[in-house]
Amino acid sequence: MQIQRLKAEREAIINEVKFHMGLDVGDLTKDRLIGSYVDRIGQAIINFINRDIPDELSYVWVDMVASALTEEQSGVLFPPVESEAVYEIKIGDTSIKPAGSVKQASGSPSTKIIESVVNDYTQQLVTFRRLRW
């Protein structure tokens, strides 16, 4: 029963992140990427507050995932529009070309981003934190 609840909660968080970021909720192509961020940030929240994630933190969780995705995967989630007029300007021996495409980041969140996001949302997480004895 617990596994089904977690699976449903994970899917709800993924859909909420998509909605929050303005992505198509019906598009399943980015679910694996978003799901990896949901899992890693969810685990970071659990490690920080020393208990299961309460329902009251669900929107904070969504905001944290959206923040991490925007910082690390914006080129993948929001690909730049390719202009049809790609050209090179050459004056004398100097030439200027348009910049190449944006590099795609790896499919999993980096530890640096996770730590940064948890640090950014510490104020909201401290309220739900339990100390270990």
Protein backbone atom coordinates (compact mmCIF):
# COMPACT_ATOMS: atom_id res chain seq x y z
CA MET A 1 0.00 0.00 0.00
CA GLN A 2 2.84 2.39 0.88
CA ILE A 3 4.51 1.82 -2.52
CA GLN A 4 1.28 2.63 -4.40
CA ARG A 5 0.87 5.82 -2.38
CA LEU A 6 4.44 6.90 -3.13
CA LYS A 7 4.03 6.11 -6.83
CA ALA A 8 0.82 8.15 -7.02
CA GLU A 9 2.43 11.00 -5.08
CA ARG A 10 5.46 10.97 -7.41
CA GLU A 11 3.23 11.15 -10.49
CA ALA A 12 1.25 14.00 -8.94
CA ILE A 13 4.47 15.92 -8.22
CA ILE A 14 5.72 15.35 -11.78
CA ASN A 15 2.44 16.65 -13.23
CA GLU A 16 2.45 19.63 -10.88
CA VAL A 17 6.05 20.48 -11.89
CA LYS A 18 5.06 20.34 -15.56
CA PHE A 19 2.09 22.62 -14.92
CA HIS A 20 4.20 24.99 -12.80
CA MET A 21 6.84 25.26 -15.54
CA GLY A 22 4.32 25.69 -18.36
CA LEU A 23 5.05 22.32 -19.98
CA ASP A 24 2.37 20.13 -21.57
CA VAL A 25 1.09 17.80 -18.82
CA GLY A 26 0.11 15.20 -21.43
CA ASP A 27 3.62 15.07 -22.92
CA LEU A 28 5.39 12.07 -21.40
CA THR A 29 8.77 12.57 -23.08
CA LYS A 30 10.28 14.55 -20.21
CA ASP A 31 8.81 12.45 -17.37
CA ARG A 32 11.96 10.42 -16.83
CA LEU A 33 14.11 13.55 -16.53
CA ILE A 34 11.64 15.32 -14.24
CA GLY A 35 11.15 12.10 -12.25
CA SER A 36 14.86 11.84 -11.50
CA TYR A 37 14.80 15.38 -10.10
CA VAL A 38 11.65 14.64 -8.09
CA ASP A 39 13.30 11.56 -6.57
CA ARG A 40 16.63 13.18 -5.74
CA ILE A 41 15.12 16.34 -4.28
CA GLY A 42 12.52 14.29 -2.40
CA GLN A 43 15.33 12.28 -0.82
CA ALA A 44 17.20 15.48 0.05
CA ILE A 45 14.06 16.83 1.76
CA ILE A 46 13.66 13.58 3.72
CA ASN A 47 17.32 13.72 4.78
CA PHE A 48 16.95 17.34 5.87
CA ILE A 49 13.72 17.06 7.85
CA ASN A 50 14.46 13.55 9.20
CA ARG A 51 11.00 12.15 8.44
CA ASP A 52 8.61 11.45 5.56
CA ILE A 53 7.56 14.45 3.50
CA PRO A 54 4.30 15.87 4.88
CA ASP A 55 1.54 16.98 2.51
CA GLU A 56 2.12 20.60 3.53
CA LEU A 57 5.53 20.52 1.80
CA SER A 58 4.25 19.30 -1.56
CA TYR A 59 4.27 22.76 -3.17
CA VAL A 60 7.69 23.52 -1.72
CA TRP A 61 8.84 20.23 -3.25
CA VAL A 62 7.38 21.27 -6.62
CA ASP A 63 9.09 24.67 -6.40
CA MET A 64 12.42 23.05 -5.51
CA VAL A 65 12.22 20.65 -8.47
CA ALA A 66 11.22 23.46 -10.85
CA SER A 67 14.09 25.60 -9.58
CA ALA A 68 16.65 22.82 -10.08
CA LEU A 69 15.30 21.96 -13.53
CA THR A 70 15.33 25.57 -14.64
CA GLU A 71 18.89 26.03 -13.49
CA GLU A 72 20.30 22.83 -14.97
CA GLN A 73 18.00 21.64 -17.77
CA SER A 74 16.48 24.76 -19.31
CA GLY A 75 18.14 24.00 -22.67
CA VAL A 76 16.50 20.57 -22.73
CA LEU A 77 13.05 21.57 -21.46
CA PHE A 78 12.83 24.77 -23.45
CA PRO A 79 14.90 24.25 -26.60
CA PRO A 80 15.92 27.46 -28.35
CA VAL A 81 14.07 28.30 -31.53
CA GLU A 82 16.31 27.72 -34.51
CA SER A 83 16.35 30.69 -36.81
CA GLU A 84 16.11 29.97 -40.50
CA ALA A 85 18.50 32.73 -41.43
CA VAL A 86 21.75 31.29 -40.13
CA TYR A 87 24.50 33.31 -41.67
CA GLU A 88 28.09 34.36 -41.28
CA ILE A 89 29.24 37.94 -41.49
CA LYS A 90 32.71 38.45 -42.87
CA ILE A 91 34.48 41.79 -42.98
CA GLY A 92 38.05 41.60 -44.11
CA ASP A 93 39.76 38.78 -42.27
CA THR A 94 37.24 38.80 -39.38
CA SER A 95 34.15 36.63 -39.42
CA ILE A 96 31.25 36.33 -37.01
CA LYS A 97 29.07 33.24 -36.80
CA PRO A 98 25.95 32.64 -34.71
CA ALA A 99 26.49 30.73 -31.50
CA GLY A 100 26.09 26.97 -31.61
CA SER A 101 23.32 25.08 -29.91
CA VAL A 102 23.06 24.94 -26.14
CA LYS A 103 24.84 22.01 -24.54
CA GLN A 104 22.55 19.47 -23.00
CA ALA A 105 23.18 18.66 -19.38
CA SER A 106 23.18 15.12 -18.08
CA GLY A 107 19.88 13.43 -17.30
CA SER A 108 20.42 13.35 -13.56
CA PRO A 109 20.69 16.26 -11.15
CA SER A 110 24.11 17.18 -9.86
CA THR A 111 24.84 17.11 -6.15
CA LYS A 112 25.79 20.79 -6.30
CA ILE A 113 22.34 21.75 -7.61
CA ILE A 114 20.57 19.60 -4.99
CA GLU A 115 22.56 21.20 -2.17
CA SER A 116 21.97 24.67 -3.61
CA VAL A 117 18.21 24.16 -3.86
CA VAL A 118 17.94 22.71 -0.34
CA ASN A 119 19.95 25.67 0.92
CA ASP A 120 17.64 28.10 -0.91
CA TYR A 121 14.53 26.53 0.65
CA THR A 122 15.92 25.96 4.15
CA GLN A 123 13.54 28.52 5.66
CA GLN A 124 10.47 26.54 4.55
CA LEU A 125 11.98 23.15 5.46
CA VAL A 126 13.13 24.07 8.98
CA THR A 127 9.52 24.35 10.13
CA PHE A 128 9.02 20.62 9.49
CA ARG A 129 12.43 19.42 10.71
CA ARG A 130 12.74 16.86 13.47
CA LEU A 131 15.93 16.50 15.40
CA ARG A 132 17.58 13.12 15.82
CA TRP A 133 18.38 11.94 19.33
